Amino acid sequence: MPRPGRRGGCLYAARGRKVTPVLREAALYQYVFFAAQVEGETGELRAPDPGWLQATLAAAARHPYDWLGCPLPAGQPAIALPPADTRRRVVRLHPPPAERTAWSCHGRRAAYAEIYLHNGVLSVRLAYGCRGDADDETYRRLAEAAWSPAEDDRTRDFLRGQTLCYVGRAAGPDAAQAIAARLLPAGAQAWPLRRADLPLTGGSTGSPAGHCAAWLFDRPGLPDRLALLYPDDDEAERQVAPYLNAALPELLLALHKIAHLYGRGYEAGLRPLLAERERALAAVLAGESAPAGGVNALDARLTELAEAYHAFARELAIFDRVTQAVRVNLLNLREHVAEYGLPREGPPAAWLTAAERAAGQMEADEGFYRARVRQAEMALAALQVQAEVERAHLEQQEDRRDRQRNLLLGFIAAMLALGQVIGDETIAELLRGAGLTPAGPIPAALIFIARLALVLGVGLLVVGALWALGRLRGRREQPRVRQER
């Protein structure tokens, strides 16, 4: 992409006795990222309102030209969103792919806007430039140039982050350091600048073998602010363009995804909820493992534990998806750093450290959560076994009572039938044979009493035999039940 501005002009401006490094061809690049769709709590995909999204993107694309003093005609640009099934591709939405991206100039100012759909994320790239040597007015204009998205619920739901990067020519690394210190002012803690030398080749800066470097700066405590300065050389300007148009957008996209997933998605929202669910599950697990009260108490404890476990598992499923997304974006960040040959120092090293710290914290938390899940699963399995044993024991007791009741009813029926089968003459003969009555007629009442005594005697003998058999069987089954418990 062509750089705004012209060659020439002095490299240093004298102010009194001091010689201050001058930033030339200064520009501000703004990278803003919106999600084309977000995932709900149950995993469903939710897209933004098309009218709101188109209006937001159009406002972003118009802003650099308003700052330039050459506003676009009303209703322009008309940004068409691609179908949902093509949103996993890389497509330029503005300007249309058939048109060439170029700087628009007005006086000393220059600007342009690009909007890409980049694998499910809308990447807005805005640039504001001031030609020639930078003065105090240039710094002020650049500081006020950036577009500010509307602060509303939809923006908060779909905005993934933004970064500002100051760009320009410097006379050398020392001048670049001094310029970056002004562009990225220190806060109350006065953290030092971090610097990475980005490799360039073919420059004409007088460095050994024609090699030179661009200088990427940031400052701790000043998030989402960068300064990318390069030698005052047209070839260096040409070679720094891939960093601005490809490397930084991809690196910052992965970085903002991780920051959003970890910071807002996990730390600010999901982690407190998981901690609450985990504490509730731990409180249930701390209860009595084998409550007194038989099967009903076991069932009540099983229900309580299952409800606490399922509530924790629902949030843990969301955590798994967030963790996987963080890991994927960390892998992308590492690949981009290697692909563009960025050194593991300065801002790139800080980005990797922050991303790895987020992924490492989530991995450590995952181990803690998984340990609680295993504890809950083991407790559920143990309670289920105890409940099954208790139910089996109750079923055995119920079956035994049923058998005894049926046997008693059958015995009573048998005794009644026996009483009907034995006739009066049989009873009389038995009484005479035993010598219990004299010869002659026997009163009916005596025959009735004798029949009743006979039936009861036989019944008592049968009941005694069954009772002895039941006692013997109970003693044999008792060790088996204890072993099952």
Foldseek 3Di string as FASTA:
>chain_A
DDQDADDDDDQWDDDPPDIAGWWFFKKKKKKWKWFQWDADLQGDIGGDDVVVVQVQLQVLQQQQCVLQVRGDPPPPPRFDDDDPVPLQDKAKRPPHPVDDWDWDHDVQKIWGWTWIRHGRMIIIIIMITGHGIDDPVNLVSNVPRDDDGDDDPSCVVTILDMAMEMEGATADDVSQLSVVCVSAPADPVRFHKWKFWQWDAQWDNPDPPRTGTWIKIDGPPRPRYIYIYGHSTSRRVVVCVCCVPPLVNQLVVLLSLLCCLQPVVPPVPLVVQLVVLLVLLVVLLPDDLDDPDFLVVLVVSLVSNVVSLVSNVSSVVVLVVSLVSLVVSLVSNVVSCVVSVTDCTGPSVVSNVVSVVSSVVSVVVVVVSVVSNVSSVVSSVVSVLRSVLRVVVVVVVVVVVVVVVVVVVVLVVVLVVVLVVQDLVNLVVVCVVVVVDDPDDDDPVVSVVSSVVVSVVVSVVVVVVVVVVVVVVVVVCVVVSVVSD
